[in-house]
């Protein structure tokens, strides 16, 4: 069960949710995003978020992920996916490395900081979902 720490605001000393709950939540978010796109059209493109979610799930399933696979699984055009991967790598959320077995491929994974941030974010969302509606603070910690 996810727990809130500190003053109960999202991000305040959150204890990461058990891994299986966080992975399940990431899978559900991805599924809901795909359903939304199918029902309403692809007006809500967020390739960076899709890449982070996809990497979180794939990493915890011990899968190696390439730039090409991320582009396909997120539905982002290859140039868009690559631009976001490079941006997030510069920001320290992702790590890129050459594939030892095939130098043409680039493997992408969450960095330690990216893993920690995603774990805390997913724990905050789980905690918020467990809190009764009338008792919820805004996820960003601002007054509701």
N, C-alpha and C. Protein backbone atom coordinates (compact mmCIF):
# COMPACT_ATOMS: atom_id res chain seq x y z
N UNK A 1 0.84 -1.17 0.00
CA UNK A 1 0.00 0.00 0.00
C UNK A 1 0.89 1.23 0.00
N UNK A 2 0.57 2.22 -0.82
CA UNK A 2 1.35 3.45 -0.87
C UNK A 2 1.07 4.24 0.40
N UNK A 3 2.07 4.92 0.88
CA UNK A 3 1.87 5.72 2.06
C UNK A 3 2.29 7.14 1.80
N UNK A 4 1.59 8.07 2.47
CA UNK A 4 1.97 9.47 2.40
C UNK A 4 2.90 9.74 3.57
N UNK A 5 3.81 10.61 3.36
CA UNK A 5 4.69 11.02 4.44
C UNK A 5 4.53 12.49 4.67
N UNK A 6 5.24 13.02 5.63
CA UNK A 6 5.27 14.46 5.87
C UNK A 6 3.89 15.00 6.12
N UNK A 7 3.58 16.10 5.43
CA UNK A 7 2.32 16.80 5.61
C UNK A 7 1.21 16.24 4.74
N UNK A 8 1.48 15.17 4.01
CA UNK A 8 0.44 14.57 3.19
C UNK A 8 0.36 15.16 1.80
N UNK A 9 1.25 16.10 1.48
CA UNK A 9 1.26 16.66 0.13
C UNK A 9 2.06 15.75 -0.77
N UNK A 10 1.66 15.69 -2.03
CA UNK A 10 2.37 14.86 -3.00
C UNK A 10 3.83 15.26 -3.03
N UNK A 11 4.71 14.28 -2.98
CA UNK A 11 6.13 14.54 -3.07
C UNK A 11 6.80 14.77 -1.73
N UNK A 12 6.04 15.02 -0.66
CA UNK A 12 6.62 15.25 0.66
C UNK A 12 7.01 13.92 1.29
N UNK A 13 8.27 13.58 1.23
CA UNK A 13 8.76 12.37 1.87
C UNK A 13 7.94 11.14 1.51
N UNK A 14 7.47 11.05 0.29
CA UNK A 14 6.68 9.89 -0.11
C UNK A 14 7.53 8.64 -0.06
N UNK A 15 6.93 7.58 0.41
CA UNK A 15 7.57 6.28 0.39
C UNK A 15 7.11 5.61 -0.89
N UNK A 16 8.02 5.16 -1.74
CA UNK A 16 7.58 4.54 -2.99
C UNK A 16 6.62 3.39 -2.74
N UNK A 17 5.63 3.29 -3.61
CA UNK A 17 4.66 2.21 -3.52
C UNK A 17 5.37 0.89 -3.79
N UNK A 18 4.80 -0.20 -3.28
CA UNK A 18 5.38 -1.48 -3.66
C UNK A 18 5.49 -1.54 -5.18
N UNK A 19 6.58 -2.11 -5.62
CA UNK A 19 6.90 -2.12 -7.05
C UNK A 19 5.76 -2.61 -7.91
N UNK A 20 5.09 -3.69 -7.52
CA UNK A 20 4.04 -4.24 -8.36
C UNK A 20 2.88 -3.27 -8.54
N UNK A 21 2.55 -2.48 -7.50
CA UNK A 21 1.47 -1.51 -7.60
C UNK A 21 1.85 -0.37 -8.55
N UNK A 22 3.08 0.08 -8.44
CA UNK A 22 3.54 1.17 -9.30
C UNK A 22 3.58 0.72 -10.76
N UNK A 23 4.05 -0.49 -11.00
CA UNK A 23 4.11 -1.02 -12.37
C UNK A 23 2.69 -1.16 -12.93
N UNK A 24 1.79 -1.70 -12.12
CA UNK A 24 0.40 -1.85 -12.55
C UNK A 24 -0.22 -0.49 -12.87
N UNK A 25 0.04 0.50 -12.04
CA UNK A 25 -0.49 1.84 -12.30
C UNK A 25 0.06 2.39 -13.61
N UNK A 26 1.36 2.24 -13.84
CA UNK A 26 1.95 2.73 -15.09
C UNK A 26 1.31 2.03 -16.29
N UNK A 27 1.08 0.73 -16.19
CA UNK A 27 0.42 -0.01 -17.28
C UNK A 27 -1.00 0.52 -17.52
N UNK A 28 -1.71 0.77 -16.43
CA UNK A 28 -3.09 1.27 -16.54
C UNK A 28 -3.13 2.66 -17.17
N UNK A 29 -2.19 3.50 -16.78
CA UNK A 29 -2.14 4.85 -17.37
C UNK A 29 -1.89 4.74 -18.87
N UNK A 30 -0.95 3.90 -19.27
CA UNK A 30 -0.68 3.70 -20.70
C UNK A 30 -1.93 3.18 -21.42
N UNK A 31 -2.62 2.22 -20.82
CA UNK A 31 -3.83 1.66 -21.45
C UNK A 31 -4.92 2.73 -21.57
N UNK A 32 -5.09 3.55 -20.54
CA UNK A 32 -6.10 4.60 -20.59
C UNK A 32 -5.75 5.65 -21.64
N UNK A 33 -4.48 5.95 -21.80
CA UNK A 33 -4.06 6.91 -22.82
C UNK A 33 -4.35 6.36 -24.22
N UNK A 34 -4.11 5.08 -24.42
CA UNK A 34 -4.40 4.47 -25.72
C UNK A 34 -5.91 4.44 -26.00
N UNK A 35 -6.69 4.14 -24.96
CA UNK A 35 -8.14 4.15 -25.11
C UNK A 35 -8.63 5.56 -25.44
N UNK A 36 -8.11 6.54 -24.73
CA UNK A 36 -8.49 7.94 -24.99
C UNK A 36 -8.18 8.31 -26.44
N UNK A 37 -7.00 7.93 -26.92
CA UNK A 37 -6.63 8.23 -28.31
C UNK A 37 -7.57 7.54 -29.30
N UNK A 38 -7.93 6.28 -29.00
CA UNK A 38 -8.83 5.55 -29.88
C UNK A 38 -10.22 6.19 -29.92
N UNK A 39 -10.72 6.61 -28.77
CA UNK A 39 -12.08 7.15 -28.69
C UNK A 39 -12.18 8.61 -29.09
N UNK A 40 -11.16 9.40 -28.77
CA UNK A 40 -11.23 10.84 -28.99
C UNK A 40 -10.28 11.36 -30.06
N UNK A 41 -9.42 10.52 -30.53
CA UNK A 41 -8.42 10.96 -31.51
C UNK A 41 -7.11 11.30 -30.79
N UNK A 42 -6.08 11.41 -31.56
CA UNK A 42 -4.74 11.63 -31.00
C UNK A 42 -4.46 13.12 -30.81
N UNK A 43 -5.38 13.82 -30.14
CA UNK A 43 -5.21 15.25 -29.89
C UNK A 43 -4.35 15.53 -28.67
N UNK A 44 -4.06 14.52 -27.88
CA UNK A 44 -3.43 14.71 -26.58
C UNK A 44 -2.03 14.14 -26.53
N UNK A 45 -1.24 14.38 -27.51
CA UNK A 45 0.09 13.79 -27.62
C UNK A 45 1.01 14.27 -26.51
N UNK A 46 1.58 13.34 -25.80
CA UNK A 46 2.58 13.61 -24.76
C UNK A 46 3.68 12.57 -24.87
N UNK A 47 4.51 12.64 -25.91
CA UNK A 47 5.50 11.59 -26.12
C UNK A 47 6.47 11.42 -24.97
N UNK A 48 6.87 12.49 -24.32
CA UNK A 48 7.83 12.37 -23.21
C UNK A 48 7.22 11.54 -22.08
N UNK A 49 5.97 11.79 -21.74
CA UNK A 49 5.30 11.05 -20.67
C UNK A 49 5.12 9.59 -21.07
N UNK A 50 4.72 9.35 -22.32
CA UNK A 50 4.56 7.98 -22.79
C UNK A 50 5.90 7.23 -22.74
N UNK A 51 6.97 7.89 -23.11
CA UNK A 51 8.31 7.27 -23.07
C UNK A 51 8.68 6.91 -21.64
N UNK A 52 8.46 7.82 -20.70
CA UNK A 52 8.79 7.53 -19.30
C UNK A 52 7.97 6.36 -18.76
N UNK A 53 6.67 6.37 -19.04
CA UNK A 53 5.82 5.27 -18.58
C UNK A 53 6.25 3.94 -19.20
N UNK A 54 6.47 3.95 -20.50
CA UNK A 54 6.86 2.73 -21.21
C UNK A 54 8.19 2.20 -20.66
N UNK A 55 9.15 3.07 -20.44
CA UNK A 55 10.44 2.64 -19.90
C UNK A 55 10.30 2.10 -18.48
N UNK A 56 9.44 2.73 -17.69
CA UNK A 56 9.23 2.26 -16.32
C UNK A 56 8.70 0.82 -16.33
N UNK A 57 7.69 0.59 -17.15
CA UNK A 57 7.11 -0.76 -17.23
C UNK A 57 8.13 -1.75 -17.79
N UNK A 58 8.73 -1.43 -18.91
CA UNK A 58 9.66 -2.36 -19.56
C UNK A 58 10.87 -2.66 -18.69
N UNK A 59 11.39 -1.66 -18.00
CA UNK A 59 12.54 -1.86 -17.11
C UNK A 59 12.20 -2.86 -16.01
N UNK A 60 11.00 -2.72 -15.45
CA UNK A 60 10.60 -3.61 -14.36
C UNK A 60 10.19 -5.00 -14.85
N UNK A 61 10.07 -5.15 -16.14
CA UNK A 61 9.84 -6.47 -16.72
C UNK A 61 11.14 -7.02 -17.29
N UNK A 62 12.27 -6.41 -16.92
CA UNK A 62 13.61 -6.83 -17.35
C UNK A 62 13.75 -6.90 -18.86
N UNK A 63 13.15 -5.95 -19.56
CA UNK A 63 13.25 -5.91 -21.01
C UNK A 63 14.21 -4.80 -21.43
N UNK A 64 14.97 -5.08 -22.46
CA UNK A 64 15.84 -4.08 -23.06
C UNK A 64 15.02 -3.31 -24.07
N UNK A 65 15.14 -1.98 -24.06
CA UNK A 65 14.32 -1.14 -24.93
C UNK A 65 15.23 -0.28 -25.81
N UNK A 66 14.93 -0.28 -27.10
CA UNK A 66 15.69 0.53 -28.04
C UNK A 66 14.90 1.78 -28.42
N UNK A 67 15.58 2.72 -29.04
CA UNK A 67 14.93 3.94 -29.52
C UNK A 67 13.79 3.58 -30.47
N UNK A 68 14.04 2.66 -31.39
CA UNK A 68 13.01 2.25 -32.36
C UNK A 68 11.80 1.65 -31.67
N UNK A 69 12.03 0.80 -30.67
CA UNK A 69 10.92 0.18 -29.95
C UNK A 69 10.11 1.23 -29.20
N UNK A 70 10.77 2.23 -28.63
CA UNK A 70 10.05 3.29 -27.92
C UNK A 70 9.17 4.08 -28.89
N UNK A 71 9.70 4.34 -30.06
CA UNK A 71 8.92 5.07 -31.06
C UNK A 71 7.67 4.28 -31.42
N UNK A 72 7.83 2.99 -31.66
CA UNK A 72 6.69 2.15 -32.03
C UNK A 72 5.69 2.00 -30.88
N UNK A 73 6.18 1.73 -29.68
CA UNK A 73 5.26 1.46 -28.57
C UNK A 73 4.53 2.71 -28.09
N UNK A 74 5.12 3.88 -28.28
CA UNK A 74 4.47 5.11 -27.83
C UNK A 74 3.67 5.77 -28.95
N UNK A 75 3.88 5.32 -30.18
CA UNK A 75 3.16 5.92 -31.30
C UNK A 75 3.75 7.24 -31.75
N UNK A 76 4.88 7.62 -31.18
CA UNK A 76 5.53 8.88 -31.57
C UNK A 76 6.34 8.66 -32.84
N UNK A 77 6.32 9.63 -33.74
CA UNK A 77 7.20 9.52 -34.91
C UNK A 77 8.65 9.37 -34.44
N UNK A 78 9.47 8.64 -35.19
CA UNK A 78 10.86 8.39 -34.76
C UNK A 78 11.63 9.67 -34.42
N UNK A 79 11.47 10.72 -35.22
CA UNK A 79 12.22 11.96 -34.93
C UNK A 79 11.74 12.61 -33.63
N UNK A 80 10.44 12.53 -33.38
CA UNK A 80 9.89 13.09 -32.13
C UNK A 80 10.38 12.28 -30.94
N UNK A 81 10.31 10.97 -31.03
CA UNK A 81 10.78 10.11 -29.94
C UNK A 81 12.25 10.38 -29.66
N UNK A 82 13.06 10.45 -30.70
CA UNK A 82 14.49 10.69 -30.52
C UNK A 82 14.76 12.04 -29.89
N UNK A 83 14.03 13.05 -30.32
CA UNK A 83 14.20 14.40 -29.73
C UNK A 83 13.90 14.37 -28.23
N UNK A 84 12.80 13.72 -27.84
CA UNK A 84 12.45 13.65 -26.42
C UNK A 84 13.44 12.78 -25.64
N UNK A 85 13.88 11.69 -26.24
CA UNK A 85 14.87 10.82 -25.57
C UNK A 85 16.14 11.62 -25.32
N UNK A 86 16.60 12.35 -26.31
CA UNK A 86 17.82 13.16 -26.14
C UNK A 86 17.64 14.24 -25.08
N UNK A 87 16.48 14.90 -25.10
CA UNK A 87 16.20 15.94 -24.11
C UNK A 87 16.18 15.36 -22.70
N UNK A 88 15.48 14.24 -22.52
CA UNK A 88 15.39 13.64 -21.18
C UNK A 88 16.73 13.06 -20.74
N UNK A 89 17.55 12.61 -21.68
CA UNK A 89 18.90 12.14 -21.33
C UNK A 89 19.75 13.31 -20.84
N UNK A 90 19.65 14.46 -21.53
CA UNK A 90 20.39 15.65 -21.09
C UNK A 90 19.94 16.11 -19.70
N UNK A 91 18.66 15.94 -19.41
CA UNK A 91 18.11 16.34 -18.11
C UNK A 91 18.40 15.31 -17.01
N UNK A 92 18.97 14.17 -17.38
CA UNK A 92 19.35 13.16 -16.41
C UNK A 92 18.28 12.14 -16.07
N UNK A 93 17.17 12.13 -16.82
CA UNK A 93 16.11 11.15 -16.55
C UNK A 93 16.34 9.82 -17.25
N UNK A 94 17.03 9.85 -18.37
CA UNK A 94 17.27 8.64 -19.17
C UNK A 94 18.76 8.45 -19.40
N UNK A 95 19.10 7.21 -19.75
CA UNK A 95 20.47 6.86 -20.13
C UNK A 95 20.40 6.19 -21.49
N UNK A 96 21.27 6.61 -22.39
CA UNK A 96 21.40 6.00 -23.71
C UNK A 96 22.73 5.29 -23.78
N UNK A 97 22.73 4.11 -24.40
CA UNK A 97 24.00 3.40 -24.59
C UNK A 97 23.91 2.56 -25.85
N UNK A 98 25.05 2.29 -26.44
CA UNK A 98 25.09 1.45 -27.62
C UNK A 98 24.85 0.00 -27.23
N UNK A 99 24.21 -0.72 -28.12
CA UNK A 99 23.96 -2.14 -27.93
C UNK A 99 25.24 -2.89 -28.28
N UNK A 100 25.76 -3.64 -27.34
CA UNK A 100 27.00 -4.40 -27.57
C UNK A 100 26.84 -5.42 -28.70
N UNK A 101 25.63 -5.97 -28.85
CA UNK A 101 25.39 -6.99 -29.85
C UNK A 101 25.15 -6.41 -31.25
N UNK A 102 24.69 -5.15 -31.31
CA UNK A 102 24.38 -4.53 -32.60
C UNK A 102 24.63 -3.04 -32.49
N UNK A 103 25.76 -2.58 -32.99
CA UNK A 103 26.18 -1.18 -32.85
C UNK A 103 25.21 -0.20 -33.50
N UNK A 104 24.32 -0.69 -34.35
CA UNK A 104 23.34 0.20 -34.99
C UNK A 104 22.22 0.58 -34.03
N UNK A 105 22.04 -0.21 -32.99
CA UNK A 105 20.94 0.03 -32.05
C UNK A 105 21.40 0.83 -30.85
N UNK A 106 20.49 1.67 -30.34
CA UNK A 106 20.74 2.42 -29.12
C UNK A 106 19.73 1.97 -28.08
N UNK A 107 20.24 1.55 -26.93
CA UNK A 107 19.39 1.09 -25.83
C UNK A 107 19.13 2.27 -24.90
N UNK A 108 17.88 2.37 -24.48
CA UNK A 108 17.46 3.47 -23.61
C UNK A 108 16.92 2.88 -22.31
N UNK A 109 17.26 3.51 -21.20
CA UNK A 109 16.73 3.08 -19.90
C UNK A 109 16.56 4.31 -19.02
N UNK A 110 15.79 4.13 -17.96
CA UNK A 110 15.68 5.20 -16.98
C UNK A 110 17.00 5.30 -16.23
N UNK A 111 17.42 6.50 -15.92
CA UNK A 111 18.59 6.69 -15.06
C UNK A 111 18.14 6.41 -13.62
N UNK A 112 19.07 6.39 -12.71
CA UNK A 112 18.72 6.21 -11.29
C UNK A 112 17.77 7.34 -10.86
N UNK A 113 18.05 8.55 -11.30
CA UNK A 113 17.19 9.69 -10.96
C UNK A 113 15.81 9.55 -11.61
N UNK A 114 15.77 9.10 -12.86
CA UNK A 114 14.50 8.89 -13.54
C UNK A 114 13.67 7.81 -12.86
N UNK A 115 14.32 6.74 -12.46
CA UNK A 115 13.65 5.64 -11.75
C UNK A 115 13.08 6.14 -10.42
N UNK A 116 13.89 6.88 -9.69
CA UNK A 116 13.45 7.41 -8.39
C UNK A 116 12.27 8.37 -8.57
N UNK A 117 12.38 9.27 -9.54
CA UNK A 117 11.31 10.25 -9.77
C UNK A 117 10.01 9.57 -10.19
N UNK A 118 10.10 8.60 -11.09
CA UNK A 118 8.90 7.89 -11.51
C UNK A 118 8.29 7.11 -10.35
N UNK A 119 9.13 6.46 -9.54
CA UNK A 119 8.63 5.73 -8.38
C UNK A 119 7.90 6.65 -7.41
N UNK A 120 8.48 7.82 -7.14
CA UNK A 120 7.84 8.78 -6.23
C UNK A 120 6.56 9.34 -6.82
N UNK A 121 6.56 9.63 -8.11
CA UNK A 121 5.36 10.15 -8.76
C UNK A 121 4.24 9.12 -8.70
N UNK A 122 4.54 7.89 -9.06
CA UNK A 122 3.51 6.85 -9.04
C UNK A 122 3.03 6.58 -7.62
N UNK A 123 3.92 6.64 -6.63
CA UNK A 123 3.51 6.48 -5.23
C UNK A 123 2.58 7.61 -4.81
N UNK A 124 2.86 8.82 -5.27
CA UNK A 124 2.01 9.96 -4.94
C UNK A 124 0.62 9.79 -5.55
N UNK A 125 0.57 9.32 -6.79
CA UNK A 125 -0.72 9.11 -7.45
C UNK A 125 -1.50 8.01 -6.72
N UNK A 126 -0.83 6.92 -6.39
CA UNK A 126 -1.51 5.84 -5.66
C UNK A 126 -2.03 6.33 -4.32
N UNK A 127 -1.23 7.10 -3.62
CA UNK A 127 -1.64 7.64 -2.33
C UNK A 127 -2.85 8.55 -2.49
N UNK A 128 -2.82 9.38 -3.50
CA UNK A 128 -3.94 10.29 -3.77
C UNK A 128 -5.20 9.52 -4.10
N UNK A 129 -5.08 8.43 -4.85
CA UNK A 129 -6.24 7.63 -5.20
C UNK A 129 -6.84 6.93 -3.99
N UNK A 130 -6.03 6.68 -2.98
CA UNK A 130 -6.51 6.01 -1.76
C UNK A 130 -7.14 6.98 -0.77
N UNK A 131 -6.96 8.28 -0.99
CA UNK A 131 -7.48 9.29 -0.07
C UNK A 131 -8.90 9.65 -0.46
N UNK A 132 -9.83 9.66 0.51
CA UNK A 132 -11.21 10.05 0.19
C UNK A 132 -11.26 11.44 -0.45
N UNK A 133 -12.20 11.64 -1.37
CA UNK A 133 -12.28 12.87 -2.16
C UNK A 133 -12.24 14.14 -1.31
N UNK A 134 -12.99 14.22 -0.23
CA UNK A 134 -13.06 15.43 0.59
C UNK A 134 -11.78 15.75 1.35
N UNK A 135 -10.88 14.78 1.45
CA UNK A 135 -9.66 14.96 2.23
C UNK A 135 -8.43 15.20 1.35
N UNK A 136 -8.63 15.32 0.06
CA UNK A 136 -7.51 15.43 -0.86
C UNK A 136 -6.92 16.83 -0.92
N UNK A 137 -5.63 16.89 -0.87
CA UNK A 137 -4.91 18.14 -1.18
C UNK A 137 -4.59 18.07 -2.67
N UNK A 138 -4.31 19.21 -3.25
CA UNK A 138 -3.92 19.23 -4.66
C UNK A 138 -2.61 18.44 -4.79
N UNK A 139 -2.46 17.70 -5.89
CA UNK A 139 -1.26 16.90 -6.09
C UNK A 139 0.01 17.73 -6.07
N UNK A 140 -0.08 18.99 -6.50
CA UNK A 140 1.12 19.82 -6.52
C UNK A 140 1.37 20.50 -5.16
N UNK A 141 0.54 20.19 -4.16
CA UNK A 141 0.73 20.74 -2.82
C UNK A 141 0.05 22.07 -2.60
N UNK A 142 -0.55 22.64 -3.63
CA UNK A 142 -1.23 23.93 -3.48
C UNK A 142 -2.60 23.71 -2.83
N UNK A 143 -3.17 24.77 -2.25
CA UNK A 143 -4.50 24.62 -1.64
C UNK A 143 -5.53 24.20 -2.68
N UNK A 144 -6.45 23.33 -2.31
CA UNK A 144 -7.48 22.85 -3.24
C UNK A 144 -8.54 23.89 -3.44
